[in-house]
Amino acid sequence: MQSVILDKWLQVRFCTNGSNTIDGKLIQGKLCSQTQKYEIAGGPVIKLAGQRGLVGSLSPQEATKGFSASDGGITYTLKCELLPKITADAGDSYRCAYDANNLPLVRVDITYP
């Protein structure tokens, strides 16, 4: 489990890769996250890539509802849950799981300012 705090807006601050073997084939996935000024671009975004490129781009709030997309016969899923705040002025923290065909690719906690 990685843990990251994003502290600047309008730039990618974090990307991580993961892989797993599905039906004897190595499958790769990538989760990137950035913060964006709400008035300009609508707030934080999580971008997901699979074996063949981008499979999704969504807000952390959308990710708490669950996300699924198929690409090249692989079903990629993302589920994030909002974690309790440690202090009143802390940002929002999410625990996220990004999987391929129900096998883990990336596990990460992300905190947005």
PDB file of N, CA and C in Angstrom:
ATOM      1  N   MET A   1       0.856  -1.180   0.000  1.00  0.00           N
ATOM      2  CA  MET A   1       0.000   0.000   0.000  1.00  0.00           C
ATOM      3  C   MET A   1       0.893   1.232   0.000  1.00  0.00           C
ATOM      4  N   GLN A   2       0.743   2.064  -1.011  1.00  0.00           N
ATOM      5  CA  GLN A   2       1.449   3.337  -1.045  1.00  0.00           C
ATOM      6  C   GLN A   2       0.548   4.407  -0.444  1.00  0.00           C
ATOM      7  N   SER A   3       1.167   5.478   0.042  1.00  0.00           N
ATOM      8  CA  SER A   3       0.411   6.605   0.572  1.00  0.00           C
ATOM      9  C   SER A   3       1.022   7.879   0.022  1.00  0.00           C
ATOM     10  N   VAL A   4       0.195   8.726  -0.599  1.00  0.00           N
ATOM     11  CA  VAL A   4       0.688   9.970  -1.190  1.00  0.00           C
ATOM     12  C   VAL A   4      -0.199  11.141  -0.799  1.00  0.00           C
ATOM     13  N   ILE A   5       0.415  12.302  -0.689  1.00  0.00           N
ATOM     14  CA  ILE A   5      -0.301  13.555  -0.437  1.00  0.00           C
ATOM     15  C   ILE A   5      -0.012  14.478  -1.612  1.00  0.00           C
ATOM     16  N   LEU A   6      -1.060  14.894  -2.297  1.00  0.00           N
ATOM     17  CA  LEU A   6      -0.913  15.807  -3.430  1.00  0.00           C
ATOM     18  C   LEU A   6      -1.103  17.226  -2.922  1.00  0.00           C
ATOM     19  N   ASP A   7      -0.165  18.108  -3.279  1.00  0.00           N
ATOM     20  CA  ASP A   7      -0.194  19.433  -2.664  1.00  0.00           C
ATOM     21  C   ASP A   7      -0.142  20.595  -3.640  1.00  0.00           C
ATOM     22  N   LYS A   8      -0.077  20.359  -4.918  1.00  0.00           N
ATOM     23  CA  LYS A   8      -0.070  21.436  -5.906  1.00  0.00           C
ATOM     24  C   LYS A   8      -1.215  21.205  -6.873  1.00  0.00           C
ATOM     25  N   TRP A   9      -1.640  22.256  -7.556  1.00  0.00           N
ATOM     26  CA  TRP A   9      -2.728  22.077  -8.508  1.00  0.00           C
ATOM     27  C   TRP A   9      -2.243  22.266  -9.939  1.00  0.00           C
ATOM     28  N   LEU A  10      -2.994  21.687 -10.857  1.00  0.00           N
ATOM     29  CA  LEU A  10      -2.739  21.737 -12.292  1.00  0.00           C
ATOM     30  C   LEU A  10      -1.429  21.082 -12.705  1.00  0.00           C
ATOM     31  N   GLN A  11      -1.038  20.029 -12.010  1.00  0.00           N
ATOM     32  CA  GLN A  11       0.079  19.238 -12.479  1.00  0.00           C
ATOM     33  C   GLN A  11      -0.045  17.823 -11.929  1.00  0.00           C
ATOM     34  N   VAL A  12       0.426  16.863 -12.706  1.00  0.00           N
ATOM     35  CA  VAL A  12       0.414  15.491 -12.237  1.00  0.00           C
ATOM     36  C   VAL A  12       1.437  15.377 -11.131  1.00  0.00           C
ATOM     37  N   ARG A  13       1.029  14.835 -10.014  1.00  0.00           N
ATOM     38  CA  ARG A  13       1.926  14.734  -8.867  1.00  0.00           C
ATOM     39  C   ARG A  13       2.237  13.297  -8.505  1.00  0.00           C
ATOM     40  N   PHE A  14       1.489  12.345  -9.046  1.00  0.00           N
ATOM     41  CA  PHE A  14       1.690  10.983  -8.611  1.00  0.00           C
ATOM     42  C   PHE A  14       1.238   9.997  -9.685  1.00  0.00           C
ATOM     43  N   CYS A  15       2.075   9.034  -9.972  1.00  0.00           N
ATOM     44  CA  CYS A  15       1.703   7.909 -10.835  1.00  0.00           C
ATOM     45  C   CYS A  15       2.341   6.655 -10.263  1.00  0.00           C
ATOM     46  N   THR A  16       1.632   5.561 -10.346  1.00  0.00           N
ATOM     47  CA  THR A  16       2.198   4.285  -9.928  1.00  0.00           C
ATOM     48  C   THR A  16       1.726   3.195 -10.875  1.00  0.00           C
ATOM     49  N   ASN A  17       2.591   2.221 -11.088  1.00  0.00           N
ATOM     50  CA  ASN A  17       2.301   1.096 -11.967  1.00  0.00           C
ATOM     51  C   ASN A  17       2.080  -0.159 -11.152  1.00  0.00           C
ATOM     52  N   GLY A  18       1.338  -1.075 -11.711  1.00  0.00           N
ATOM     53  CA  GLY A  18       1.153  -2.383 -11.105  1.00  0.00           C
ATOM     54  C   GLY A  18       0.971  -3.412 -12.192  1.00  0.00           C
ATOM     55  N   SER A  19       1.170  -4.668 -11.843  1.00  0.00           N
ATOM     56  CA  SER A  19       0.996  -5.734 -12.823  1.00  0.00           C
ATOM     57  C   SER A  19       0.537  -7.004 -12.123  1.00  0.00           C
ATOM     58  N   ASN A  20      -0.011  -7.891 -12.916  1.00  0.00           N
ATOM     59  CA  ASN A  20      -0.419  -9.198 -12.434  1.00  0.00           C
ATOM     60  C   ASN A  20      -0.487 -10.128 -13.636  1.00  0.00           C
ATOM     61  N   THR A  21      -0.472 -11.417 -13.399  1.00  0.00           N
ATOM     62  CA  THR A  21      -0.551 -12.397 -14.470  1.00  0.00           C
ATOM     63  C   THR A  21      -1.985 -12.899 -14.590  1.00  0.00           C
ATOM     64  N   ILE A  22      -2.540 -12.751 -15.790  1.00  0.00           N
ATOM     65  CA  ILE A  22      -3.903 -13.187 -16.073  1.00  0.00           C
ATOM     66  C   ILE A  22      -3.843 -14.155 -17.245  1.00  0.00           C
ATOM     67  N   ASP A  23      -4.303 -15.369 -17.031  1.00  0.00           N
ATOM     68  CA  ASP A  23      -4.275 -16.415 -18.061  1.00  0.00           C
ATOM     69  C   ASP A  23      -2.887 -16.572 -18.669  1.00  0.00           C
ATOM     70  N   GLY A  24      -1.864 -16.531 -17.825  1.00  0.00           N
ATOM     71  CA  GLY A  24      -0.492 -16.727 -18.281  1.00  0.00           C
ATOM     72  C   GLY A  24       0.146 -15.527 -18.948  1.00  0.00           C
ATOM     73  N   LYS A  25      -0.556 -14.391 -18.976  1.00  0.00           N
ATOM     74  CA  LYS A  25      -0.041 -13.193 -19.637  1.00  0.00           C
ATOM     75  C   LYS A  25       0.117 -12.080 -18.608  1.00  0.00           C
ATOM     76  N   LEU A  26       1.255 -11.397 -18.636  1.00  0.00           N
ATOM     77  CA  LEU A  26       1.503 -10.278 -17.727  1.00  0.00           C
ATOM     78  C   LEU A  26       0.684  -9.070 -18.164  1.00  0.00           C
ATOM     79  N   ILE A  27      -0.178  -8.587 -17.280  1.00  0.00           N
ATOM     80  CA  ILE A  27      -1.031  -7.426 -17.554  1.00  0.00           C
ATOM     81  C   ILE A  27      -0.541  -6.265 -16.694  1.00  0.00           C
ATOM     82  N   GLN A  28      -0.380  -5.111 -17.323  1.00  0.00           N
ATOM     83  CA  GLN A  28       0.090  -3.923 -16.616  1.00  0.00           C
ATOM     84  C   GLN A  28      -1.039  -2.908 -16.500  1.00  0.00           C
ATOM     85  N   GLY A  29      -0.994  -2.133 -15.417  1.00  0.00           N
ATOM     86  CA  GLY A  29      -1.946  -1.047 -15.218  1.00  0.00           C
ATOM     87  C   GLY A  29      -1.236   0.130 -14.579  1.00  0.00           C
ATOM     88  N   LYS A  30      -1.797   1.309 -14.766  1.00  0.00           N
ATOM     89  CA  LYS A  30      -1.198   2.525 -14.213  1.00  0.00           C
ATOM     90  C   LYS A  30      -2.296   3.392 -13.632  1.00  0.00           C
ATOM     91  N   LEU A  31      -2.061   3.919 -12.431  1.00  0.00           N
ATOM     92  CA  LEU A  31      -2.969   4.863 -11.794  1.00  0.00           C
ATOM     93  C   LEU A  31      -2.207   6.158 -11.589  1.00  0.00           C
ATOM     94  N   CYS A  32      -2.746   7.248 -12.112  1.00  0.00           N
ATOM     95  CA  CYS A  32      -2.159   8.575 -11.919  1.00  0.00           C
ATOM     96  C   CYS A  32      -3.209   9.466 -11.269  1.00  0.00           C
ATOM     97  N   SER A  33      -2.749  10.406 -10.469  1.00  0.00           N
ATOM     98  CA  SER A  33      -3.665  11.324  -9.838  1.00  0.00           C
ATOM     99  C   SER A  33      -3.067  12.718  -9.818  1.00  0.00           C
ATOM    100  N   GLN A  34      -3.935  13.706  -9.938  1.00  0.00           N
ATOM    101  CA  GLN A  34      -3.481  15.089  -9.905  1.00  0.00           C
ATOM    102  C   GLN A  34      -4.535  15.926  -9.206  1.00  0.00           C
ATOM    103  N   THR A  35      -4.102  17.074  -8.715  1.00  0.00           N
ATOM    104  CA  THR A  35      -5.052  18.033  -8.171  1.00  0.00           C
ATOM    105  C   THR A  35      -5.211  19.146  -9.197  1.00  0.00           C
ATOM    106  N   GLN A  36      -6.414  19.685  -9.269  1.00  0.00           N
ATOM    107  CA  GLN A  36      -6.710  20.780 -10.181  1.00  0.00           C
ATOM    108  C   GLN A  36      -7.542  21.803  -9.436  1.00  0.00           C
ATOM    109  N   LYS A  37      -7.320  23.061  -9.741  1.00  0.00           N
ATOM    110  CA  LYS A  37      -8.116  24.109  -9.116  1.00  0.00           C
ATOM    111  C   LYS A  37      -9.579  23.943  -9.533  1.00  0.00           C
ATOM    112  N   TYR A  38     -10.479  23.878  -8.553  1.00  0.00           N
ATOM    113  CA  TYR A  38     -11.890  23.576  -8.835  1.00  0.00           C
ATOM    114  C   TYR A  38     -12.514  24.525  -9.844  1.00  0.00           C
ATOM    115  N   GLU A  39     -12.202  25.821  -9.753  1.00  0.00           N
ATOM    116  CA  GLU A  39     -12.847  26.795 -10.639  1.00  0.00           C
ATOM    117  C   GLU A  39     -12.426  26.596 -12.092  1.00  0.00           C
ATOM    118  N   ILE A  40     -11.266  25.993 -12.306  1.00  0.00           N
ATOM    119  CA  ILE A  40     -10.754  25.829 -13.671  1.00  0.00           C
ATOM    120  C   ILE A  40     -11.153  24.477 -14.247  1.00  0.00           C
ATOM    121  N   ALA A  41     -10.948  23.428 -13.493  1.00  0.00           N
ATOM    122  CA  ALA A  41     -11.085  22.096 -14.085  1.00  0.00           C
ATOM    123  C   ALA A  41     -11.902  21.110 -13.257  1.00  0.00           C
ATOM    124  N   GLY A  42     -12.560  21.529 -12.205  1.00  0.00           N
ATOM    125  CA  GLY A  42     -13.454  20.636 -11.505  1.00  0.00           C
ATOM    126  C   GLY A  42     -12.857  19.791 -10.410  1.00  0.00           C
ATOM    127  N   GLY A  43     -11.683  20.094  -9.924  1.00  0.00           N
ATOM    128  CA  GLY A  43     -11.135  19.381  -8.772  1.00  0.00           C
ATOM    129  C   GLY A  43     -10.233  18.222  -9.120  1.00  0.00           C
ATOM    130  N   PRO A  44      -9.922  17.395  -8.116  1.00  0.00           N
ATOM    131  CA  PRO A  44      -8.978  16.290  -8.312  1.00  0.00           C
ATOM    132  C   PRO A  44      -9.469  15.279  -9.343  1.00  0.00           C
ATOM    133  N   VAL A  45      -8.530  14.575  -9.953  1.00  0.00           N
ATOM    134  CA  VAL A  45      -8.871  13.562 -10.947  1.00  0.00           C
ATOM    135  C   VAL A  45      -7.937  12.361 -10.784  1.00  0.00           C
ATOM    136  N   ILE A  46      -8.508  11.177 -11.003  1.00  0.00           N
ATOM    137  CA  ILE A  46      -7.746   9.933 -11.026  1.00  0.00           C
ATOM    138  C   ILE A  46      -7.823   9.399 -12.449  1.00  0.00           C
ATOM    139  N   LYS A  47      -6.659   9.125 -13.055  1.00  0.00           N
ATOM    140  CA  LYS A  47      -6.614   8.591 -14.416  1.00  0.00           C
ATOM    141  C   LYS A  47      -6.088   7.166 -14.361  1.00  0.00           C
ATOM    142  N   LEU A  48      -6.750   6.296 -15.116  1.00  0.00           N
ATOM    143  CA  LEU A  48      -6.412   4.880 -15.120  1.00  0.00           C
ATOM    144  C   LEU A  48      -6.001   4.439 -16.514  1.00  0.00           C
ATOM    145  N   ALA A  49      -4.916   3.696 -16.595  1.00  0.00           N
ATOM    146  CA  ALA A  49      -4.474   3.134 -17.867  1.00  0.00           C
ATOM    147  C   ALA A  49      -4.372   1.624 -17.709  1.00  0.00           C
ATOM    148  N   GLY A  50      -4.671   0.944 -18.805  1.00  0.00           N
ATOM    149  CA  GLY A  50      -4.547  -0.500 -18.850  1.00  0.00           C
ATOM    150  C   GLY A  50      -3.452  -0.895 -19.809  1.00  0.00           C
ATOM    151  N   GLN A  51      -3.506  -2.120 -20.237  1.00  0.00           N
ATOM    152  CA  GLN A  51      -2.484  -2.681 -21.122  1.00  0.00           C
ATOM    153  C   GLN A  51      -2.376  -1.887 -22.424  1.00  0.00           C
ATOM    154  N   ARG A  52      -3.493  -1.320 -22.892  1.00  0.00           N
ATOM    155  CA  ARG A  52      -3.510  -0.650 -24.201  1.00  0.00           C
ATOM    156  C   ARG A  52      -3.775   0.844 -24.114  1.00  0.00           C
ATOM    157  N   GLY A  53      -3.628   1.452 -22.951  1.00  0.00           N
ATOM    158  CA  GLY A  53      -3.804   2.896 -22.837  1.00  0.00           C
ATOM    159  C   GLY A  53      -4.882   3.282 -21.835  1.00  0.00           C
ATOM    160  N   LEU A  54      -5.331   4.540 -21.923  1.00  0.00           N
ATOM    161  CA  LEU A  54      -6.287   5.118 -20.972  1.00  0.00           C
ATOM    162  C   LEU A  54      -7.599   4.343 -20.967  1.00  0.00           C
ATOM    163  N   VAL A  55      -8.078   3.981 -19.767  1.00  0.00           N
ATOM    164  CA  VAL A  55      -9.373   3.301 -19.649  1.00  0.00           C
ATOM    165  C   VAL A  55     -10.385   4.127 -18.871  1.00  0.00           C
ATOM    166  N   GLY A  56      -9.929   5.168 -18.149  1.00  0.00           N
ATOM    167  CA  GLY A  56     -10.877   5.979 -17.404  1.00  0.00           C
ATOM    168  C   GLY A  56     -10.243   7.181 -16.752  1.00  0.00           C
ATOM    169  N   SER A  57     -11.067   8.188 -16.505  1.00  0.00           N
ATOM    170  CA  SER A  57     -10.663   9.404 -15.816  1.00  0.00           C
ATOM    171  C   SER A  57     -11.852   9.844 -14.980  1.00  0.00           C
ATOM    172  N   LEU A  58     -11.689   9.903 -13.642  1.00  0.00           N
ATOM    173  CA  LEU A  58     -12.819  10.213 -12.793  1.00  0.00           C
ATOM    174  C   LEU A  58     -12.389  10.927 -11.524  1.00  0.00           C
ATOM    175  N   SER A  59     -13.356  11.555 -10.897  1.00  0.00           N
ATOM    176  CA  SER A  59     -13.103  12.252  -9.641  1.00  0.00           C
ATOM    177  C   SER A  59     -13.044  11.227  -8.510  1.00  0.00           C
ATOM    178  N   PRO A  60     -12.430  11.571  -7.377  1.00  0.00           N
ATOM    179  CA  PRO A  60     -12.444  10.655  -6.237  1.00  0.00           C
ATOM    180  C   PRO A  60     -13.870  10.328  -5.782  1.00  0.00           C
ATOM    181  N   GLN A  61     -14.776  11.297  -5.872  1.00  0.00           N
ATOM    182  CA  GLN A  61     -16.167  11.059  -5.475  1.00  0.00           C
ATOM    183  C   GLN A  61     -16.822  10.024  -6.399  1.00  0.00           C
ATOM    184  N   GLU A  62     -16.526  10.099  -7.691  1.00  0.00           N
ATOM    185  CA  GLU A  62     -17.036   9.095  -8.627  1.00  0.00           C
ATOM    186  C   GLU A  62     -16.430   7.727  -8.320  1.00  0.00           C
ATOM    187  N   ALA A  63     -15.152   7.719  -7.922  1.00  0.00           N
ATOM    188  CA  ALA A  63     -14.462   6.456  -7.635  1.00  0.00           C
ATOM    189  C   ALA A  63     -15.054   5.748  -6.421  1.00  0.00           C
ATOM    190  N   THR A  64     -15.634   6.496  -5.482  1.00  0.00           N
ATOM    191  CA  THR A  64     -16.248   5.846  -4.320  1.00  0.00           C
ATOM    192  C   THR A  64     -17.501   5.071  -4.719  1.00  0.00           C
ATOM    193  N   LYS A  65     -18.067   5.385  -5.881  1.00  0.00           N
ATOM    194  CA  LYS A  65     -19.241   4.664  -6.375  1.00  0.00           C
ATOM    195  C   LYS A  65     -18.847   3.411  -7.144  1.00  0.00           C
ATOM    196  N   GLY A  66     -17.559   3.292  -7.472  1.00  0.00           N
ATOM    197  CA  GLY A  66     -17.068   2.154  -8.236  1.00  0.00           C
ATOM    198  C   GLY A  66     -16.979   2.480  -9.715  1.00  0.00           C
ATOM    199  N   PHE A  67     -15.994   1.899 -10.379  1.00  0.00           N
ATOM    200  CA  PHE A  67     -15.754   2.150 -11.799  1.00  0.00           C
ATOM    201  C   PHE A  67     -15.313   0.842 -12.433  1.00  0.00           C
ATOM    202  N   SER A  68     -15.797   0.593 -13.644  1.00  0.00           N
ATOM    203  CA  SER A  68     -15.409  -0.602 -14.380  1.00  0.00           C
ATOM    204  C   SER A  68     -15.352  -0.278 -15.867  1.00  0.00           C
ATOM    205  N   ALA A  69     -14.316  -0.788 -16.541  1.00  0.00           N
ATOM    206  CA  ALA A  69     -14.190  -0.613 -17.987  1.00  0.00           C
ATOM    207  C   ALA A  69     -13.466  -1.826 -18.554  1.00  0.00           C
ATOM    208  N   SER A  70     -13.865  -2.238 -19.752  1.00  0.00           N
ATOM    209  CA  SER A  70     -13.203  -3.362 -20.410  1.00  0.00           C
ATOM    210  C   SER A  70     -12.352  -2.852 -21.557  1.00  0.00           C
ATOM    211  N   ASP A  71     -11.176  -3.485 -21.707  1.00  0.00           N
ATOM    212  CA  ASP A  71     -10.260  -3.115 -22.780  1.00  0.00           C
ATOM    213  C   ASP A  71      -9.430  -4.345 -23.122  1.00  0.00           C
ATOM    214  N   GLY A  72      -9.511  -4.779 -24.366  1.00  0.00           N
ATOM    215  CA  GLY A  72      -8.719  -5.911 -24.809  1.00  0.00           C
ATOM    216  C   GLY A  72      -9.014  -7.205 -24.060  1.00  0.00           C
ATOM    217  N   GLY A  73     -10.276  -7.408 -23.660  1.00  0.00           N
ATOM    218  CA  GLY A  73     -10.655  -8.619 -22.959  1.00  0.00           C
ATOM    219  C   GLY A  73     -10.359  -8.617 -21.472  1.00  0.00           C
ATOM    220  N   ILE A  74      -9.863  -7.510 -20.952  1.00  0.00           N
ATOM    221  CA  ILE A  74      -9.566  -7.365 -19.531  1.00  0.00           C
ATOM    222  C   ILE A  74     -10.561  -6.368 -18.943  1.00  0.00           C
ATOM    223  N   THR A  75     -11.132  -6.692 -17.787  1.00  0.00           N
ATOM    224  CA  THR A  75     -12.020  -5.765 -17.091  1.00  0.00           C
ATOM    225  C   THR A  75     -11.240  -5.096 -15.970  1.00  0.00           C
ATOM    226  N   TYR A  76     -11.100  -3.783 -16.085  1.00  0.00           N
ATOM    227  CA  TYR A  76     -10.396  -2.979 -15.086  1.00  0.00           C
ATOM    228  C   TYR A  76     -11.424  -2.361 -14.147  1.00  0.00           C
ATOM    229  N   THR A  77     -11.166  -2.415 -12.844  1.00  0.00           N
ATOM    230  CA  THR A  77     -12.079  -1.832 -11.869  1.00  0.00           C
ATOM    231  C   THR A  77     -11.305  -0.963 -10.886  1.00  0.00           C
ATOM    232  N   LEU A  78     -11.967   0.076 -10.425  1.00  0.00           N
ATOM    233  CA  LEU A  78     -11.413   0.947  -9.393  1.00  0.00           C
ATOM    234  C   LEU A  78     -12.487   1.162  -8.344  1.00  0.00           C
ATOM    235  N   LYS A  79     -12.087   1.037  -7.095  1.00  0.00           N
ATOM    236  CA  LYS A  79     -12.987   1.341  -5.980  1.00  0.00           C
ATOM    237  C   LYS A  79     -12.180   2.100  -4.946  1.00  0.00           C
ATOM    238  N   CYS A  80     -12.665   3.276  -4.565  1.00  0.00           N
ATOM    239  CA  CYS A  80     -12.019   4.088  -3.539  1.00  0.00           C
ATOM    240  C   CYS A  80     -13.014   4.322  -2.409  1.00  0.00           C
ATOM    241  N   GLU A  81     -12.510   4.377  -1.199  1.00  0.00           N
ATOM    242  CA  GLU A  81     -13.359   4.727  -0.062  1.00  0.00           C
ATOM    243  C   GLU A  81     -12.761   5.930   0.635  1.00  0.00           C
ATOM    244  N   LEU A  82     -13.641   6.818   1.072  1.00  0.00           N
ATOM    245  CA  LEU A  82     -13.230   8.011   1.793  1.00  0.00           C
ATOM    246  C   LEU A  82     -12.824   7.604   3.202  1.00  0.00           C
ATOM    247  N   LEU A  83     -11.626   8.007   3.624  1.00  0.00           N
ATOM    248  CA  LEU A  83     -11.134   7.686   4.960  1.00  0.00           C
ATOM    249  C   LEU A  83     -11.484   8.809   5.927  1.00  0.00           C
ATOM    250  N   PRO A  84     -11.619   8.510   7.215  1.00  0.00           N
ATOM    251  CA  PRO A  84     -11.891   9.560   8.202  1.00  0.00           C
ATOM    252  C   PRO A  84     -10.743  10.572   8.263  1.00  0.00           C
ATOM    253  N   LYS A  85     -11.103  11.833   8.512  1.00  0.00           N
ATOM    254  CA  LYS A  85     -10.083  12.885   8.627  1.00  0.00           C
ATOM    255  C   LYS A  85      -9.332  12.737   9.947  1.00  0.00           C
ATOM    256  N   ILE A  86      -8.015  12.946   9.879  1.00  0.00           N
ATOM    257  CA  ILE A  86      -7.186  12.877  11.086  1.00  0.00           C
ATOM    258  C   ILE A  86      -7.300  14.183  11.868  1.00  0.00           C
ATOM    259  N   THR A  87      -7.293  15.312  11.146  1.00  0.00           N
ATOM    260  CA  THR A  87      -7.492  16.622  11.761  1.00  0.00           C
ATOM    261  C   THR A  87      -8.526  17.388  10.949  1.00  0.00           C
ATOM    262  N   ALA A  88      -9.119  18.413  11.546  1.00  0.00           N
ATOM    263  CA  ALA A  88     -10.172  19.174  10.883  1.00  0.00           C
ATOM    264  C   ALA A  88      -9.689  19.853   9.605  1.00  0.00           C
ATOM    265  N   ASP A  89      -8.421  20.288   9.568  1.00  0.00           N
ATOM    266  CA  ASP A  89      -7.916  20.997   8.394  1.00  0.00           C
ATOM    267  C   ASP A  89      -7.190  20.077   7.401  1.00  0.00           C
ATOM    268  N   ALA A  90      -7.223  18.784   7.648  1.00  0.00           N
ATOM    269  CA  ALA A  90      -6.603  17.832   6.726  1.00  0.00           C
ATOM    270  C   ALA A  90      -7.422  17.756   5.445  1.00  0.00           C
ATOM    271  N   GLY A  91      -6.761  17.356   4.364  1.00  0.00           N
ATOM    272  CA  GLY A  91      -7.478  17.168   3.108  1.00  0.00           C
ATOM    273  C   GLY A  91      -8.299  15.891   3.142  1.00  0.00           C
ATOM    274  N   ASP A  92      -8.954  15.603   2.027  1.00  0.00           N
ATOM    275  CA  ASP A  92      -9.720  14.364   1.905  1.00  0.00           C
ATOM    276  C   ASP A  92      -8.786  13.230   1.499  1.00  0.00           C
ATOM    277  N   SER A  93      -8.872  12.112   2.216  1.00  0.00           N
ATOM    278  CA  SER A  93      -8.043  10.943   1.923  1.00  0.00           C
ATOM    279  C   SER A  93      -8.915   9.797   1.428  1.00  0.00           C
ATOM    280  N   TYR A  94      -8.402   9.085   0.433  1.00  0.00           N
ATOM    281  CA  TYR A  94      -9.118   7.969  -0.174  1.00  0.00           C
ATOM    282  C   TYR A  94      -8.205   6.746  -0.215  1.00  0.00           C
ATOM    283  N   ARG A  95      -8.748   5.591   0.112  1.00  0.00           N
ATOM    284  CA  ARG A  95      -8.045   4.312  -0.042  1.00  0.00           C
ATOM    285  C   ARG A  95      -8.573   3.681  -1.323  1.00  0.00           C
ATOM    286  N   CYS A  96      -7.679   3.458  -2.293  1.00  0.00           N
ATOM    287  CA  CYS A  96      -8.094   3.011  -3.616  1.00  0.00           C
ATOM    288  C   CYS A  96      -7.489   1.656  -3.979  1.00  0.00           C
ATOM    289  N   ALA A  97      -8.303   0.855  -4.655  1.00  0.00           N
ATOM    290  CA  ALA A  97      -7.885  -0.444  -5.168  1.00  0.00           C
ATOM    291  C   ALA A  97      -8.188  -0.476  -6.671  1.00  0.00           C
ATOM    292  N   TYR A  98      -7.154  -0.683  -7.473  1.00  0.00           N
ATOM    293  CA  TYR A  98      -7.286  -0.765  -8.924  1.00  0.00           C
ATOM    294  C   TYR A  98      -6.937  -2.194  -9.324  1.00  0.00           C
ATOM    295  N   ASP A  99      -7.878  -2.881  -9.970  1.00  0.00           N
ATOM    296  CA  ASP A  99      -7.729  -4.298 -10.282  1.00  0.00           C
ATOM    297  C   ASP A  99      -7.952  -4.576 -11.765  1.00  0.00           C
ATOM    298  N   ALA A 100      -7.469  -5.745 -12.198  1.00  0.00           N
ATOM    299  CA  ALA A 100      -7.715  -6.247 -13.552  1.00  0.00           C
ATOM    300  C   ALA A 100      -8.257  -7.666 -13.418  1.00  0.00           C
ATOM    301  N   ASN A 101      -9.450  -7.906 -13.954  1.00  0.00           N
ATOM    302  CA  ASN A 101     -10.119  -9.214 -13.824  1.00  0.00           C
ATOM    303  C   ASN A 101     -10.105  -9.709 -12.381  1.00  0.00           C
ATOM    304  N   ASN A 102     -10.376  -8.802 -11.457  1.00  0.00           N
ATOM    305  CA  ASN A 102     -10.451  -9.080 -10.014  1.00  0.00           C
ATOM    306  C   ASN A 102      -9.118  -9.471  -9.386  1.00  0.00           C
ATOM    307  N   LEU A 103      -8.023  -9.236 -10.086  1.00  0.00           N
ATOM    308  CA  LEU A 103      -6.691  -9.459  -9.527  1.00  0.00           C
ATOM    309  C   LEU A 103      -6.041  -8.100  -9.277  1.00  0.00           C
ATOM    310  N   PRO A 104      -5.342  -7.933  -8.154  1.00  0.00           N
ATOM    311  CA  PRO A 104      -4.811  -6.607  -7.791  1.00  0.00           C
ATOM    312  C   PRO A 104      -3.726  -6.097  -8.728  1.00  0.00           C
ATOM    313  N   LEU A 105      -3.816  -4.805  -9.039  1.00  0.00           N
ATOM    314  CA  LEU A 105      -2.766  -4.091  -9.767  1.00  0.00           C
ATOM    315  C   LEU A 105      -2.119  -3.047  -8.862  1.00  0.00           C
ATOM    316  N   VAL A 106      -2.948  -2.130  -8.296  1.00  0.00           N
ATOM    317  CA  VAL A 106      -2.425  -1.008  -7.504  1.00  0.00           C
ATOM    318  C   VAL A 106      -3.274  -0.846  -6.248  1.00  0.00           C
ATOM    319  N   ARG A 107      -2.607  -0.606  -5.128  1.00  0.00           N
ATOM    320  CA  ARG A 107      -3.254  -0.244  -3.862  1.00  0.00           C
ATOM    321  C   ARG A 107      -2.597   1.041  -3.390  1.00  0.00           C
ATOM    322  N   VAL A 108      -3.411   2.074  -3.138  1.00  0.00           N
ATOM    323  CA  VAL A 108      -2.828   3.366  -2.771  1.00  0.00           C
ATOM    324  C   VAL A 108      -3.801   4.185  -1.943  1.00  0.00           C
ATOM    325  N   ASP A 109      -3.270   4.929  -0.986  1.00  0.00           N
ATOM    326  CA  ASP A 109      -4.017   5.955  -0.257  1.00  0.00           C
ATOM    327  C   ASP A 109      -3.612   7.296  -0.835  1.00  0.00           C
ATOM    328  N   ILE A 110      -4.587   8.116  -1.221  1.00  0.00           N
ATOM    329  CA  ILE A 110      -4.320   9.423  -1.823  1.00  0.00           C
ATOM    330  C   ILE A 110      -5.000  10.490  -0.971  1.00  0.00           C
ATOM    331  N   THR A 111      -4.248  11.546  -0.616  1.00  0.00           N
ATOM    332  CA  THR A 111      -4.817  12.685   0.102  1.00  0.00           C
ATOM    333  C   THR A 111      -4.721  13.921  -0.768  1.00  0.00           C
ATOM    334  N   TYR A 112      -5.856  14.590  -0.948  1.00  0.00           N
ATOM    335  CA  TYR A 112      -5.929  15.830  -1.707  1.00  0.00           C
ATOM    336  C   TYR A 112      -6.031  16.998  -0.736  1.00  0.00           C
ATOM    337  N   PRO A 113      -5.408  18.136  -1.074  1.00  0.00           N
ATOM    338  CA  PRO A 113      -5.462  19.304  -0.171  1.00  0.00           C
ATOM    339  C   PRO A 113      -6.864  19.861  -0.008  1.00  0.00           C
TER     340      PRO A 113
END
